[in-house]
Amino acid sequence: MRILISLIKDENGATAIEYGLISALIAVAAIVAMTKLGHTLSNTFSTVATNMAKPSR
């Protein structure tokens, strides 16, 4: 019975799960930010390449 009570009072597993959820949220936010930045950089480089390919007057 003491073992069961000590397992119920133990909060180490809950803390580990919370840290796991926080790190997963940070990872998702980082992936979204990097994807958006990647698209923006791609568009910028495409614009620069297009403008450089135009013949000068």
PDB file of N, CA and C in Angstrom:
ATOM      1  N   MET A   1       0.822  -1.196   0.000  1.00  0.00           N
ATOM      2  CA  MET A   1       0.000   0.000   0.000  1.00  0.00           C
ATOM      3  C   MET A   1       0.868   1.263   0.000  1.00  0.00           C
ATOM      4  N   ARG A   2       1.984   1.205   0.723  1.00  0.00           N
ATOM      5  CA  ARG A   2       2.879   2.359   0.775  1.00  0.00           C
ATOM      6  C   ARG A   2       3.460   2.673  -0.601  1.00  0.00           C
ATOM      7  N   ILE A   3       3.749   1.632  -1.349  1.00  0.00           N
ATOM      8  CA  ILE A   3       4.306   1.832  -2.698  1.00  0.00           C
ATOM      9  C   ILE A   3       3.295   2.542  -3.585  1.00  0.00           C
ATOM     10  N   LEU A   4       2.050   2.144  -3.503  1.00  0.00           N
ATOM     11  CA  LEU A   4       0.995   2.773  -4.304  1.00  0.00           C
ATOM     12  C   LEU A   4       0.830   4.244  -3.941  1.00  0.00           C
ATOM     13  N   ILE A   5       0.860   4.539  -2.664  1.00  0.00           N
ATOM     14  CA  ILE A   5       0.724   5.935  -2.220  1.00  0.00           C
ATOM     15  C   ILE A   5       1.921   6.762  -2.673  1.00  0.00           C
ATOM     16  N   SER A   6       3.113   6.187  -2.577  1.00  0.00           N
ATOM     17  CA  SER A   6       4.299   6.931  -3.016  1.00  0.00           C
ATOM     18  C   SER A   6       4.278   7.168  -4.529  1.00  0.00           C
ATOM     19  N   LEU A   7       3.747   6.234  -5.299  1.00  0.00           N
ATOM     20  CA  LEU A   7       3.632   6.424  -6.748  1.00  0.00           C
ATOM     21  C   LEU A   7       2.629   7.514  -7.091  1.00  0.00           C
ATOM     22  N   ILE A   8       1.557   7.602  -6.344  1.00  0.00           N
ATOM     23  CA  ILE A   8       0.546   8.630  -6.581  1.00  0.00           C
ATOM     24  C   ILE A   8       1.099  10.017  -6.266  1.00  0.00           C
ATOM     25  N   LYS A   9       1.908  10.119  -5.212  1.00  0.00           N
ATOM     26  CA  LYS A   9       2.462  11.413  -4.808  1.00  0.00           C
ATOM     27  C   LYS A   9       3.651  11.832  -5.663  1.00  0.00           C
ATOM     28  N   ASP A  10       4.256  10.904  -6.389  1.00  0.00           N
ATOM     29  CA  ASP A  10       5.442  11.210  -7.200  1.00  0.00           C
ATOM     30  C   ASP A  10       5.040  12.053  -8.401  1.00  0.00           C
ATOM     31  N   GLU A  11       5.661  13.222  -8.564  1.00  0.00           N
ATOM     32  CA  GLU A  11       5.338  14.134  -9.658  1.00  0.00           C
ATOM     33  C   GLU A  11       6.452  14.232 -10.692  1.00  0.00           C
ATOM     34  N   ASN A  12       7.469  13.396 -10.616  1.00  0.00           N
ATOM     35  CA  ASN A  12       8.583  13.467 -11.571  1.00  0.00           C
ATOM     36  C   ASN A  12       8.129  13.166 -12.990  1.00  0.00           C
ATOM     37  N   GLY A  13       7.267  12.211 -13.165  1.00  0.00           N
ATOM     38  CA  GLY A  13       6.784  11.876 -14.504  1.00  0.00           C
ATOM     39  C   GLY A  13       5.981  13.005 -15.109  1.00  0.00           C
ATOM     40  N   ALA A  14       5.155  13.657 -14.306  1.00  0.00           N
ATOM     41  CA  ALA A  14       4.349  14.776 -14.803  1.00  0.00           C
ATOM     42  C   ALA A  14       5.251  15.933 -15.224  1.00  0.00           C
ATOM     43  N   THR A  15       6.307  16.179 -14.468  1.00  0.00           N
ATOM     44  CA  THR A  15       7.235  17.246 -14.818  1.00  0.00           C
ATOM     45  C   THR A  15       7.943  16.930 -16.128  1.00  0.00           C
ATOM     46  N   ALA A  16       8.343  15.691 -16.309  1.00  0.00           N
ATOM     47  CA  ALA A  16       9.012  15.295 -17.546  1.00  0.00           C
ATOM     48  C   ALA A  16       8.083  15.467 -18.745  1.00  0.00           C
ATOM     49  N   ILE A  17       6.822  15.126 -18.585  1.00  0.00           N
ATOM     50  CA  ILE A  17       5.852  15.294 -19.665  1.00  0.00           C
ATOM     51  C   ILE A  17       5.661  16.771 -19.982  1.00  0.00           C
ATOM     52  N   GLU A  18       5.607  17.612 -18.967  1.00  0.00           N
ATOM     53  CA  GLU A  18       5.455  19.054 -19.197  1.00  0.00           C
ATOM     54  C   GLU A  18       6.644  19.606 -19.969  1.00  0.00           C
ATOM     55  N   TYR A  19       7.857  19.203 -19.573  1.00  0.00           N
ATOM     56  CA  TYR A  19       9.042  19.660 -20.296  1.00  0.00           C
ATOM     57  C   TYR A  19       9.037  19.151 -21.739  1.00  0.00           C
ATOM     58  N   GLY A  20       8.566  17.946 -21.934  1.00  0.00           N
ATOM     59  CA  GLY A  20       8.466  17.404 -23.287  1.00  0.00           C
ATOM     60  C   GLY A  20       7.488  18.188 -24.143  1.00  0.00           C
ATOM     61  N   LEU A  21       6.355  18.548 -23.569  1.00  0.00           N
ATOM     62  CA  LEU A  21       5.361  19.337 -24.312  1.00  0.00           C
ATOM     63  C   LEU A  21       5.890  20.735 -24.635  1.00  0.00           C
ATOM     64  N   ILE A  22       6.583  21.347 -23.685  1.00  0.00           N
ATOM     65  CA  ILE A  22       7.145  22.675 -23.925  1.00  0.00           C
ATOM     66  C   ILE A  22       8.186  22.621 -25.038  1.00  0.00           C
ATOM     67  N   SER A  23       9.068  21.615 -24.998  1.00  0.00           N
ATOM     68  CA  SER A  23      10.088  21.513 -26.041  1.00  0.00           C
ATOM     69  C   SER A  23       9.471  21.206 -27.407  1.00  0.00           C
ATOM     70  N   ALA A  24       8.393  20.431 -27.437  1.00  0.00           N
ATOM     71  CA  ALA A  24       7.706  20.161 -28.707  1.00  0.00           C
ATOM     72  C   ALA A  24       7.082  21.440 -29.260  1.00  0.00           C
ATOM     73  N   LEU A  25       6.497  22.257 -28.398  1.00  0.00           N
ATOM     74  CA  LEU A  25       5.907  23.523 -28.826  1.00  0.00           C
ATOM     75  C   LEU A  25       6.983  24.458 -29.378  1.00  0.00           C
ATOM     76  N   ILE A  26       8.121  24.524 -28.719  1.00  0.00           N
ATOM     77  CA  ILE A  26       9.223  25.361 -29.201  1.00  0.00           C
ATOM     78  C   ILE A  26       9.720  24.857 -30.550  1.00  0.00           C
ATOM     79  N   ALA A  27       9.809  23.540 -30.717  1.00  0.00           N
ATOM     80  CA  ALA A  27      10.260  22.976 -31.987  1.00  0.00           C
ATOM     81  C   ALA A  27       9.290  23.311 -33.115  1.00  0.00           C
ATOM     82  N   VAL A  28       7.995  23.207 -32.863  1.00  0.00           N
ATOM     83  CA  VAL A  28       6.999  23.533 -33.890  1.00  0.00           C
ATOM     84  C   VAL A  28       7.087  25.010 -34.259  1.00  0.00           C
ATOM     85  N   ALA A  29       7.228  25.873 -33.256  1.00  0.00           N
ATOM     86  CA  ALA A  29       7.347  27.311 -33.535  1.00  0.00           C
ATOM     87  C   ALA A  29       8.600  27.613 -34.347  1.00  0.00           C
ATOM     88  N   ALA A  30       9.699  26.946 -34.042  1.00  0.00           N
ATOM     89  CA  ALA A  30      10.944  27.157 -34.788  1.00  0.00           C
ATOM     90  C   ALA A  30      10.804  26.681 -36.229  1.00  0.00           C
ATOM     91  N   ILE A  31      10.157  25.559 -36.441  1.00  0.00           N
ATOM     92  CA  ILE A  31       9.965  25.036 -37.804  1.00  0.00           C
ATOM     93  C   ILE A  31       9.098  25.989 -38.620  1.00  0.00           C
ATOM     94  N   VAL A  32       8.022  26.494 -38.031  1.00  0.00           N
ATOM     95  CA  VAL A  32       7.146  27.431 -38.734  1.00  0.00           C
ATOM     96  C   VAL A  32       7.904  28.703 -39.086  1.00  0.00           C
ATOM     97  N   ALA A  33       8.674  29.228 -38.146  1.00  0.00           N
ATOM     98  CA  ALA A  33       9.426  30.458 -38.390  1.00  0.00           C
ATOM     99  C   ALA A  33      10.475  30.256 -39.474  1.00  0.00           C
ATOM    100  N   MET A  34      11.184  29.135 -39.435  1.00  0.00           N
ATOM    101  CA  MET A  34      12.218  28.875 -40.437  1.00  0.00           C
ATOM    102  C   MET A  34      11.611  28.651 -41.818  1.00  0.00           C
ATOM    103  N   THR A  35      10.457  28.005 -41.878  1.00  0.00           N
ATOM    104  CA  THR A  35       9.796  27.799 -43.160  1.00  0.00           C
ATOM    105  C   THR A  35       9.380  29.134 -43.773  1.00  0.00           C
ATOM    106  N   LYS A  36       8.794  30.000 -42.951  1.00  0.00           N
ATOM    107  CA  LYS A  36       8.376  31.319 -43.435  1.00  0.00           C
ATOM    108  C   LYS A  36       9.587  32.136 -43.884  1.00  0.00           C
ATOM    109  N   LEU A  37      10.650  32.095 -43.111  1.00  0.00           N
ATOM    110  CA  LEU A  37      11.871  32.810 -43.476  1.00  0.00           C
ATOM    111  C   LEU A  37      12.460  32.250 -44.764  1.00  0.00           C
ATOM    112  N   GLY A  38      12.393  30.934 -44.929  1.00  0.00           N
ATOM    113  CA  GLY A  38      12.912  30.295 -46.138  1.00  0.00           C
ATOM    114  C   GLY A  38      12.168  30.757 -47.380  1.00  0.00           C
ATOM    115  N   HIS A  39      10.847  30.848 -47.293  1.00  0.00           N
ATOM    116  CA  HIS A  39      10.055  31.308 -48.430  1.00  0.00           C
ATOM    117  C   HIS A  39      10.362  32.776 -48.744  1.00  0.00           C
ATOM    118  N   THR A  40      10.517  33.579 -47.712  1.00  0.00           N
ATOM    119  CA  THR A  40      10.826  34.994 -47.916  1.00  0.00           C
ATOM    120  C   THR A  40      12.195  35.157 -48.576  1.00  0.00           C
ATOM    121  N   LEU A  41      13.176  34.407 -48.110  1.00  0.00           N
ATOM    122  CA  LEU A  41      14.509  34.482 -48.713  1.00  0.00           C
ATOM    123  C   LEU A  41      14.497  33.987 -50.157  1.00  0.00           C
ATOM    124  N   SER A  42      13.747  32.941 -50.406  1.00  0.00           N
ATOM    125  CA  SER A  42      13.653  32.422 -51.767  1.00  0.00           C
ATOM    126  C   SER A  42      13.063  33.463 -52.709  1.00  0.00           C
ATOM    127  N   ASN A  43      12.009  34.130 -52.269  1.00  0.00           N
ATOM    128  CA  ASN A  43      11.402  35.179 -53.090  1.00  0.00           C
ATOM    129  C   ASN A  43      12.364  36.331 -53.315  1.00  0.00           C
ATOM    130  N   THR A  44      13.114  36.702 -52.294  1.00  0.00           N
ATOM    131  CA  THR A  44      14.075  37.796 -52.416  1.00  0.00           C
ATOM    132  C   THR A  44      15.158  37.452 -53.415  1.00  0.00           C
ATOM    133  N   PHE A  45      15.732  36.253 -53.325  1.00  0.00           N
ATOM    134  CA  PHE A  45      16.783  35.851 -54.254  1.00  0.00           C
ATOM    135  C   PHE A  45      16.245  35.717 -55.679  1.00  0.00           C
ATOM    136  N   SER A  46      15.003  35.281 -55.828  1.00  0.00           N
ATOM    137  CA  SER A  46      14.412  35.192 -57.170  1.00  0.00           C
ATOM    138  C   SER A  46      14.257  36.580 -57.775  1.00  0.00           C
ATOM    139  N   THR A  47      13.836  37.548 -56.978  1.00  0.00           N
ATOM    140  CA  THR A  47      13.691  38.923 -57.458  1.00  0.00           C
ATOM    141  C   THR A  47      15.037  39.493 -57.859  1.00  0.00           C
ATOM    142  N   VAL A  48      16.049  39.265 -57.044  1.00  0.00           N
ATOM    143  CA  VAL A  48      17.397  39.767 -57.363  1.00  0.00           C
ATOM    144  C   VAL A  48      17.912  39.113 -58.631  1.00  0.00           C
ATOM    145  N   ALA A  49      17.726  37.811 -58.779  1.00  0.00           N
ATOM    146  CA  ALA A  49      18.199  37.108 -59.977  1.00  0.00           C
ATOM    147  C   ALA A  49      17.485  37.620 -61.224  1.00  0.00           C
ATOM    148  N   THR A  50      16.185  37.870 -61.111  1.00  0.00           N
ATOM    149  CA  THR A  50      15.421  38.377 -62.253  1.00  0.00           C
ATOM    150  C   THR A  50      15.909  39.756 -62.648  1.00  0.00           C
ATOM    151  N   ASN A  51      16.136  40.618 -61.663  1.00  0.00           N
ATOM    152  CA  ASN A  51      16.609  41.976 -61.965  1.00  0.00           C
ATOM    153  C   ASN A  51      18.022  41.983 -62.529  1.00  0.00           C
ATOM    154  N   MET A  52      18.850  41.061 -62.121  1.00  0.00           N
ATOM    155  CA  MET A  52      20.216  40.992 -62.655  1.00  0.00           C
ATOM    156  C   MET A  52      20.226  40.443 -64.073  1.00  0.00           C
ATOM    157  N   ALA A  53      19.241  39.627 -64.438  1.00  0.00           N
ATOM    158  CA  ALA A  53      19.182  39.038 -65.768  1.00  0.00           C
ATOM    159  C   ALA A  53      18.670  39.999 -66.817  1.00  0.00           C
ATOM    160  N   LYS A  54      18.005  41.080 -66.388  1.00  0.00           N
ATOM    161  CA  LYS A  54      17.482  42.062 -67.339  1.00  0.00           C
ATOM    162  C   LYS A  54      18.651  42.816 -67.967  1.00  0.00           C
ATOM    163  N   PRO A  55      18.592  43.073 -69.266  1.00  0.00           N
ATOM    164  CA  PRO A  55      19.678  43.827 -69.915  1.00  0.00           C
ATOM    165  C   PRO A  55      19.660  45.284 -69.437  1.00  0.00           C
ATOM    166  N   SER A  56      20.832  45.835 -69.250  1.00  0.00           N
ATOM    167  CA  SER A  56      20.917  47.232 -68.809  1.00  0.00           C
ATOM    168  C   SER A  56      20.683  48.150 -69.983  1.00  0.00           C
ATOM    169  N   ARG A  57      20.222  49.361 -69.713  1.00  0.00           N
ATOM    170  CA  ARG A  57      19.914  50.306 -70.791  1.00  0.00           C
ATOM    171  C   ARG A  57      21.021  51.271 -70.995  1.00  0.00           C
TER     172      ARG A  57
END
